[in-house]
Amino acid sequence: MSEQPLHRAEPSADWRKLRAGDRVNVRMAPGYETAGLVDAVTGDHTAVWVDLDGGRGRTLLHCSDGVEILPLHP
């Protein structure tokens, strides 16, 4: 077990701006990204439900997952 203390996960500025209904681009790793629609956001913006395009389903993402969620501007 690690002796390192736990650190609070903090959402990025982009995550703090997200609202239900926003179109977003989800970058899971370099070269692996997809678009989707924000379904729900927790009050502290640390977790976001995204309904992925193309019938890929709804996924829960946490700010500590190392995933970027970027708003798509019309």
PDB file of N, CA and C in Angstrom:
ATOM      1  N   MET A   1       0.836  -1.165   0.000  1.00  0.00           N
ATOM      2  CA  MET A   1       0.000   0.000   0.000  1.00  0.00           C
ATOM      3  C   MET A   1       0.893   1.244   0.000  1.00  0.00           C
ATOM      4  N   SER A   2       0.492   2.242  -0.756  1.00  0.00           N
ATOM      5  CA  SER A   2       1.266   3.467  -0.876  1.00  0.00           C
ATOM      6  C   SER A   2       1.204   4.291   0.403  1.00  0.00           C
ATOM      7  N   GLU A   3       2.312   4.918   0.718  1.00  0.00           N
ATOM      8  CA  GLU A   3       2.385   5.794   1.884  1.00  0.00           C
ATOM      9  C   GLU A   3       2.016   7.234   1.533  1.00  0.00           C
ATOM     10  N   GLN A   4       1.749   7.474   0.249  1.00  0.00           N
ATOM     11  CA  GLN A   4       1.417   8.815  -0.197  1.00  0.00           C
ATOM     12  C   GLN A   4       0.025   9.216   0.289  1.00  0.00           C
ATOM     13  N   PRO A   5      -0.139  10.471   0.722  1.00  0.00           N
ATOM     14  CA  PRO A   5      -1.475  10.913   1.146  1.00  0.00           C
ATOM     15  C   PRO A   5      -2.405  11.059  -0.053  1.00  0.00           C
ATOM     16  N   LEU A   6      -3.680  10.921   0.187  1.00  0.00           N
ATOM     17  CA  LEU A   6      -4.667  11.122  -0.872  1.00  0.00           C
ATOM     18  C   LEU A   6      -4.772  12.600  -1.196  1.00  0.00           C
ATOM     19  N   HIS A   7      -5.001  12.891  -2.460  1.00  0.00           N
ATOM     20  CA  HIS A   7      -5.185  14.267  -2.899  1.00  0.00           C
ATOM     21  C   HIS A   7      -6.572  14.394  -3.516  1.00  0.00           C
ATOM     22  N   ARG A   8      -7.235  15.478  -3.219  1.00  0.00           N
ATOM     23  CA  ARG A   8      -8.558  15.727  -3.765  1.00  0.00           C
ATOM     24  C   ARG A   8      -8.454  15.948  -5.270  1.00  0.00           C
ATOM     25  N   ALA A   9      -9.289  15.257  -6.019  1.00  0.00           N
ATOM     26  CA  ALA A   9      -9.344  15.428  -7.473  1.00  0.00           C
ATOM     27  C   ALA A   9     -10.082  16.721  -7.784  1.00  0.00           C
ATOM     28  N   GLU A  10      -9.488  17.537  -8.620  1.00  0.00           N
ATOM     29  CA  GLU A  10     -10.082  18.819  -8.999  1.00  0.00           C
ATOM     30  C   GLU A  10     -10.373  18.830 -10.493  1.00  0.00           C
ATOM     31  N   PRO A  11     -11.606  19.171 -10.869  1.00  0.00           N
ATOM     32  CA  PRO A  11     -11.933  19.247 -12.289  1.00  0.00           C
ATOM     33  C   PRO A  11     -11.249  20.440 -12.949  1.00  0.00           C
ATOM     34  N   SER A  12     -10.957  20.304 -14.237  1.00  0.00           N
ATOM     35  CA  SER A  12     -10.337  21.406 -14.983  1.00  0.00           C
ATOM     36  C   SER A  12     -11.367  22.508 -15.221  1.00  0.00           C
ATOM     37  N   ALA A  13     -10.889  23.633 -15.699  1.00  0.00           N
ATOM     38  CA  ALA A  13     -11.782  24.758 -15.997  1.00  0.00           C
ATOM     39  C   ALA A  13     -12.825  24.357 -17.034  1.00  0.00           C
ATOM     40  N   ASP A  14     -12.438  23.526 -18.025  1.00  0.00           N
ATOM     41  CA  ASP A  14     -13.400  23.072 -19.034  1.00  0.00           C
ATOM     42  C   ASP A  14     -14.521  22.251 -18.400  1.00  0.00           C
ATOM     43  N   TRP A  15     -14.175  21.396 -17.448  1.00  0.00           N
ATOM     44  CA  TRP A  15     -15.188  20.570 -16.789  1.00  0.00           C
ATOM     45  C   TRP A  15     -16.159  21.438 -15.989  1.00  0.00           C
ATOM     46  N   ARG A  16     -15.651  22.498 -15.372  1.00  0.00           N
ATOM     47  CA  ARG A  16     -16.495  23.369 -14.543  1.00  0.00           C
ATOM     48  C   ARG A  16     -17.540  24.133 -15.352  1.00  0.00           C
ATOM     49  N   LYS A  17     -17.321  24.259 -16.660  1.00  0.00           N
ATOM     50  CA  LYS A  17     -18.257  24.973 -17.537  1.00  0.00           C
ATOM     51  C   LYS A  17     -19.339  24.061 -18.105  1.00  0.00           C
ATOM     52  N   LEU A  18     -19.202  22.745 -17.956  1.00  0.00           N
ATOM     53  CA  LEU A  18     -20.131  21.805 -18.586  1.00  0.00           C
ATOM     54  C   LEU A  18     -21.519  21.842 -17.969  1.00  0.00           C
ATOM     55  N   ARG A  19     -22.507  21.714 -18.839  1.00  0.00           N
ATOM     56  CA  ARG A  19     -23.915  21.668 -18.430  1.00  0.00           C
ATOM     57  C   ARG A  19     -24.607  20.565 -19.223  1.00  0.00           C
ATOM     58  N   ALA A  20     -25.675  20.015 -18.674  1.00  0.00           N
ATOM     59  CA  ALA A  20     -26.467  19.007 -19.391  1.00  0.00           C
ATOM     60  C   ALA A  20     -26.918  19.598 -20.719  1.00  0.00           C
ATOM     61  N   GLY A  21     -26.794  18.810 -21.779  1.00  0.00           N
ATOM     62  CA  GLY A  21     -27.183  19.242 -23.113  1.00  0.00           C
ATOM     63  C   GLY A  21     -26.035  19.772 -23.954  1.00  0.00           C
ATOM     64  N   ASP A  22     -24.861  19.989 -23.358  1.00  0.00           N
ATOM     65  CA  ASP A  22     -23.700  20.480 -24.108  1.00  0.00           C
ATOM     66  C   ASP A  22     -23.154  19.395 -25.032  1.00  0.00           C
ATOM     67  N   ARG A  23     -22.777  19.794 -26.258  1.00  0.00           N
ATOM     68  CA  ARG A  23     -22.064  18.897 -27.162  1.00  0.00           C
ATOM     69  C   ARG A  23     -20.589  18.968 -26.795  1.00  0.00           C
ATOM     70  N   VAL A  24     -19.947  17.813 -26.688  1.00  0.00           N
ATOM     71  CA  VAL A  24     -18.553  17.762 -26.264  1.00  0.00           C
ATOM     72  C   VAL A  24     -17.736  16.782 -27.095  1.00  0.00           C
ATOM     73  N   ASN A  25     -16.430  16.973 -27.035  1.00  0.00           N
ATOM     74  CA  ASN A  25     -15.480  16.025 -27.591  1.00  0.00           C
ATOM     75  C   ASN A  25     -14.785  15.371 -26.406  1.00  0.00           C
ATOM     76  N   VAL A  26     -14.756  14.048 -26.366  1.00  0.00           N
ATOM     77  CA  VAL A  26     -14.138  13.302 -25.267  1.00  0.00           C
ATOM     78  C   VAL A  26     -12.839  12.692 -25.779  1.00  0.00           C
ATOM     79  N   ARG A  27     -11.708  13.114 -25.181  1.00  0.00           N
ATOM     80  CA  ARG A  27     -10.382  12.584 -25.541  1.00  0.00           C
ATOM     81  C   ARG A  27      -9.937  11.633 -24.440  1.00  0.00           C
ATOM     82  N   MET A  28      -9.960  10.352 -24.767  1.00  0.00           N
ATOM     83  CA  MET A  28      -9.601   9.333 -23.779  1.00  0.00           C
ATOM     84  C   MET A  28      -8.106   9.084 -23.741  1.00  0.00           C
ATOM     85  N   ALA A  29      -7.448   9.220 -24.888  1.00  0.00           N
ATOM     86  CA  ALA A  29      -5.998   9.054 -25.034  1.00  0.00           C
ATOM     87  C   ALA A  29      -5.640   9.652 -26.386  1.00  0.00           C
ATOM     88  N   PRO A  30      -4.380   9.970 -26.612  1.00  0.00           N
ATOM     89  CA  PRO A  30      -4.010  10.504 -27.926  1.00  0.00           C
ATOM     90  C   PRO A  30      -4.483   9.575 -29.050  1.00  0.00           C
ATOM     91  N   GLY A  31      -5.243  10.133 -29.970  1.00  0.00           N
ATOM     92  CA  GLY A  31      -5.755   9.345 -31.089  1.00  0.00           C
ATOM     93  C   GLY A  31      -7.075   8.649 -30.816  1.00  0.00           C
ATOM     94  N   TYR A  32      -7.562   8.697 -29.585  1.00  0.00           N
ATOM     95  CA  TYR A  32      -8.822   8.054 -29.227  1.00  0.00           C
ATOM     96  C   TYR A  32      -9.780   9.107 -28.688  1.00  0.00           C
ATOM     97  N   GLU A  33     -10.647   9.568 -29.574  1.00  0.00           N
ATOM     98  CA  GLU A  33     -11.615  10.560 -29.139  1.00  0.00           C
ATOM     99  C   GLU A  33     -12.933  10.349 -29.856  1.00  0.00           C
ATOM    100  N   THR A  34     -13.974  10.862 -29.252  1.00  0.00           N
ATOM    101  CA  THR A  34     -15.314  10.750 -29.800  1.00  0.00           C
ATOM    102  C   THR A  34     -16.134  11.930 -29.310  1.00  0.00           C
ATOM    103  N   ALA A  35     -17.242  12.164 -29.943  1.00  0.00           N
ATOM    104  CA  ALA A  35     -18.132  13.245 -29.529  1.00  0.00           C
ATOM    105  C   ALA A  35     -19.317  12.661 -28.779  1.00  0.00           C
ATOM    106  N   GLY A  36     -20.026  13.533 -28.087  1.00  0.00           N
ATOM    107  CA  GLY A  36     -21.205  13.092 -27.362  1.00  0.00           C
ATOM    108  C   GLY A  36     -21.963  14.271 -26.794  1.00  0.00           C
ATOM    109  N   LEU A  37     -22.966  13.939 -26.013  1.00  0.00           N
ATOM    110  CA  LEU A  37     -23.848  14.925 -25.412  1.00  0.00           C
ATOM    111  C   LEU A  37     -23.818  14.743 -23.897  1.00  0.00           C
ATOM    112  N   VAL A  38     -23.539  15.823 -23.171  1.00  0.00           N
ATOM    113  CA  VAL A  38     -23.522  15.740 -21.714  1.00  0.00           C
ATOM    114  C   VAL A  38     -24.945  15.463 -21.234  1.00  0.00           C
ATOM    115  N   ASP A  39     -25.088  14.402 -20.470  1.00  0.00           N
ATOM    116  CA  ASP A  39     -26.392  14.017 -19.929  1.00  0.00           C
ATOM    117  C   ASP A  39     -26.589  14.578 -18.524  1.00  0.00           C
ATOM    118  N   ALA A  40     -25.526  14.548 -17.710  1.00  0.00           N
ATOM    119  CA  ALA A  40     -25.625  15.037 -16.327  1.00  0.00           C
ATOM    120  C   ALA A  40     -24.235  15.364 -15.805  1.00  0.00           C
ATOM    121  N   VAL A  41     -24.191  16.298 -14.853  1.00  0.00           N
ATOM    122  CA  VAL A  41     -22.940  16.713 -14.219  1.00  0.00           C
ATOM    123  C   VAL A  41     -23.192  16.765 -12.716  1.00  0.00           C
ATOM    124  N   THR A  42     -22.250  16.247 -11.925  1.00  0.00           N
ATOM    125  CA  THR A  42     -22.398  16.337 -10.473  1.00  0.00           C
ATOM    126  C   THR A  42     -22.242  17.787 -10.029  1.00  0.00           C
ATOM    127  N   GLY A  43     -22.761  18.109  -8.875  1.00  0.00           N
ATOM    128  CA  GLY A  43     -22.728  19.470  -8.358  1.00  0.00           C
ATOM    129  C   GLY A  43     -21.335  20.052  -8.226  1.00  0.00           C
ATOM    130  N   ASP A  44     -20.347  19.195  -7.932  1.00  0.00           N
ATOM    131  CA  ASP A  44     -18.969  19.680  -7.793  1.00  0.00           C
ATOM    132  C   ASP A  44     -18.171  19.561  -9.090  1.00  0.00           C
ATOM    133  N   HIS A  45     -18.820  19.118 -10.165  1.00  0.00           N
ATOM    134  CA  HIS A  45     -18.225  18.985 -11.506  1.00  0.00           C
ATOM    135  C   HIS A  45     -17.083  17.983 -11.577  1.00  0.00           C
ATOM    136  N   THR A  46     -17.005  17.056 -10.644  1.00  0.00           N
ATOM    137  CA  THR A  46     -15.944  16.048 -10.696  1.00  0.00           C
ATOM    138  C   THR A  46     -16.338  14.831 -11.534  1.00  0.00           C
ATOM    139  N   ALA A  47     -17.630  14.642 -11.781  1.00  0.00           N
ATOM    140  CA  ALA A  47     -18.090  13.506 -12.578  1.00  0.00           C
ATOM    141  C   ALA A  47     -19.127  13.984 -13.591  1.00  0.00           C
ATOM    142  N   VAL A  48     -19.031  13.414 -14.802  1.00  0.00           N
ATOM    143  CA  VAL A  48     -19.900  13.814 -15.903  1.00  0.00           C
ATOM    144  C   VAL A  48     -20.398  12.554 -16.612  1.00  0.00           C
ATOM    145  N   TRP A  49     -21.702  12.491 -16.847  1.00  0.00           N
ATOM    146  CA  TRP A  49     -22.281  11.432 -17.674  1.00  0.00           C
ATOM    147  C   TRP A  49     -22.343  11.963 -19.098  1.00  0.00           C
ATOM    148  N   VAL A  50     -21.796  11.203 -20.058  1.00  0.00           N
ATOM    149  CA  VAL A  50     -21.830  11.593 -21.470  1.00  0.00           C
ATOM    150  C   VAL A  50     -22.478  10.473 -22.272  1.00  0.00           C
ATOM    151  N   ASP A  51     -23.467  10.854 -23.091  1.00  0.00           N
ATOM    152  CA  ASP A  51     -24.109   9.918 -24.021  1.00  0.00           C
ATOM    153  C   ASP A  51     -23.306  10.003 -25.319  1.00  0.00           C
ATOM    154  N   LEU A  52     -22.490   8.999 -25.586  1.00  0.00           N
ATOM    155  CA  LEU A  52     -21.568   9.015 -26.716  1.00  0.00           C
ATOM    156  C   LEU A  52     -22.295   8.839 -28.038  1.00  0.00           C
ATOM    157  N   ASP A  53     -21.803   9.535 -29.062  1.00  0.00           N
ATOM    158  CA  ASP A  53     -22.378   9.429 -30.407  1.00  0.00           C
ATOM    159  C   ASP A  53     -22.200   8.021 -30.972  1.00  0.00           C
ATOM    160  N   GLY A  54     -22.980   7.727 -31.989  1.00  0.00           N
ATOM    161  CA  GLY A  54     -22.841   6.460 -32.705  1.00  0.00           C
ATOM    162  C   GLY A  54     -23.363   5.258 -31.951  1.00  0.00           C
ATOM    163  N   GLY A  55     -24.240   5.484 -30.989  1.00  0.00           N
ATOM    164  CA  GLY A  55     -24.809   4.368 -30.241  1.00  0.00           C
ATOM    165  C   GLY A  55     -23.821   3.681 -29.314  1.00  0.00           C
ATOM    166  N   ARG A  56     -22.759   4.384 -28.907  1.00  0.00           N
ATOM    167  CA  ARG A  56     -21.741   3.791 -28.035  1.00  0.00           C
ATOM    168  C   ARG A  56     -22.156   3.765 -26.574  1.00  0.00           C
ATOM    169  N   GLY A  57     -23.316   4.332 -26.268  1.00  0.00           N
ATOM    170  CA  GLY A  57     -23.833   4.257 -24.914  1.00  0.00           C
ATOM    171  C   GLY A  57     -23.496   5.460 -24.057  1.00  0.00           C
ATOM    172  N   ARG A  58     -23.929   5.378 -22.829  1.00  0.00           N
ATOM    173  CA  ARG A  58     -23.745   6.439 -21.841  1.00  0.00           C
ATOM    174  C   ARG A  58     -22.602   6.023 -20.928  1.00  0.00           C
ATOM    175  N   THR A  59     -21.683   6.943 -20.672  1.00  0.00           N
ATOM    176  CA  THR A  59     -20.525   6.600 -19.849  1.00  0.00           C
ATOM    177  C   THR A  59     -20.321   7.647 -18.760  1.00  0.00           C
ATOM    178  N   LEU A  60     -19.848   7.202 -17.616  1.00  0.00           N
ATOM    179  CA  LEU A  60     -19.549   8.084 -16.498  1.00  0.00           C
ATOM    180  C   LEU A  60     -18.050   8.335 -16.483  1.00  0.00           C
ATOM    181  N   LEU A  61     -17.674   9.618 -16.490  1.00  0.00           N
ATOM    182  CA  LEU A  61     -16.268  10.003 -16.480  1.00  0.00           C
ATOM    183  C   LEU A  61     -15.987  10.821 -15.234  1.00  0.00           C
ATOM    184  N   HIS A  62     -14.849  10.563 -14.610  1.00  0.00           N
ATOM    185  CA  HIS A  62     -14.443  11.297 -13.409  1.00  0.00           C
ATOM    186  C   HIS A  62     -13.206  12.118 -13.749  1.00  0.00           C
ATOM    187  N   CYS A  63     -13.059  13.270 -13.120  1.00  0.00           N
ATOM    188  CA  CYS A  63     -11.933  14.156 -13.438  1.00  0.00           C
ATOM    189  C   CYS A  63     -10.580  13.514 -13.146  1.00  0.00           C
ATOM    190  N   SER A  64     -10.525  12.487 -12.333  1.00  0.00           N
ATOM    191  CA  SER A  64      -9.253  11.807 -12.050  1.00  0.00           C
ATOM    192  C   SER A  64      -8.953  10.695 -13.056  1.00  0.00           C
ATOM    193  N   ASP A  65      -9.838  10.478 -14.043  1.00  0.00           N
ATOM    194  CA  ASP A  65      -9.636   9.419 -15.030  1.00  0.00           C
ATOM    195  C   ASP A  65      -8.595   9.756 -16.088  1.00  0.00           C
ATOM    196  N   GLY A  66      -8.150  11.010 -16.148  1.00  0.00           N
ATOM    197  CA  GLY A  66      -7.185  11.398 -17.170  1.00  0.00           C
ATOM    198  C   GLY A  66      -7.820  11.617 -18.526  1.00  0.00           C
ATOM    199  N   VAL A  67      -9.117  11.880 -18.542  1.00  0.00           N
ATOM    200  CA  VAL A  67      -9.874  12.096 -19.770  1.00  0.00           C
ATOM    201  C   VAL A  67     -10.157  13.582 -19.925  1.00  0.00           C
ATOM    202  N   GLU A  68     -10.039  14.089 -21.152  1.00  0.00           N
ATOM    203  CA  GLU A  68     -10.395  15.482 -21.423  1.00  0.00           C
ATOM    204  C   GLU A  68     -11.811  15.526 -21.989  1.00  0.00           C
ATOM    205  N   ILE A  69     -12.590  16.461 -21.521  1.00  0.00           N
ATOM    206  CA  ILE A  69     -13.924  16.719 -22.086  1.00  0.00           C
ATOM    207  C   ILE A  69     -13.924  18.177 -22.506  1.00  0.00           C
ATOM    208  N   LEU A  70     -14.003  18.401 -23.818  1.00  0.00           N
ATOM    209  CA  LEU A  70     -13.923  19.747 -24.353  1.00  0.00           C
ATOM    210  C   LEU A  70     -15.227  20.123 -25.048  1.00  0.00           C
ATOM    211  N   PRO A  71     -15.771  21.280 -24.715  1.00  0.00           N
ATOM    212  CA  PRO A  71     -17.012  21.717 -25.370  1.00  0.00           C
ATOM    213  C   PRO A  71     -16.804  21.888 -26.871  1.00  0.00           C
ATOM    214  N   LEU A  72     -17.799  21.478 -27.642  1.00  0.00           N
ATOM    215  CA  LEU A  72     -17.796  21.706 -29.101  1.00  0.00           C
ATOM    216  C   LEU A  72     -18.618  22.964 -29.353  1.00  0.00           C
ATOM    217  N   HIS A  73     -17.994  23.928 -29.974  1.00  0.00           N
ATOM    218  CA  HIS A  73     -18.693  25.187 -30.229  1.00  0.00           C
ATOM    219  C   HIS A  73     -19.390  25.128 -31.577  1.00  0.00           C
ATOM    220  N   PRO A  74     -20.645  25.562 -31.622  1.00  0.00           N
ATOM    221  CA  PRO A  74     -21.394  25.507 -32.901  1.00  0.00           C
ATOM    222  C   PRO A  74     -20.813  26.406 -33.963  1.00  0.00           C
TER     223      PRO A  74
END
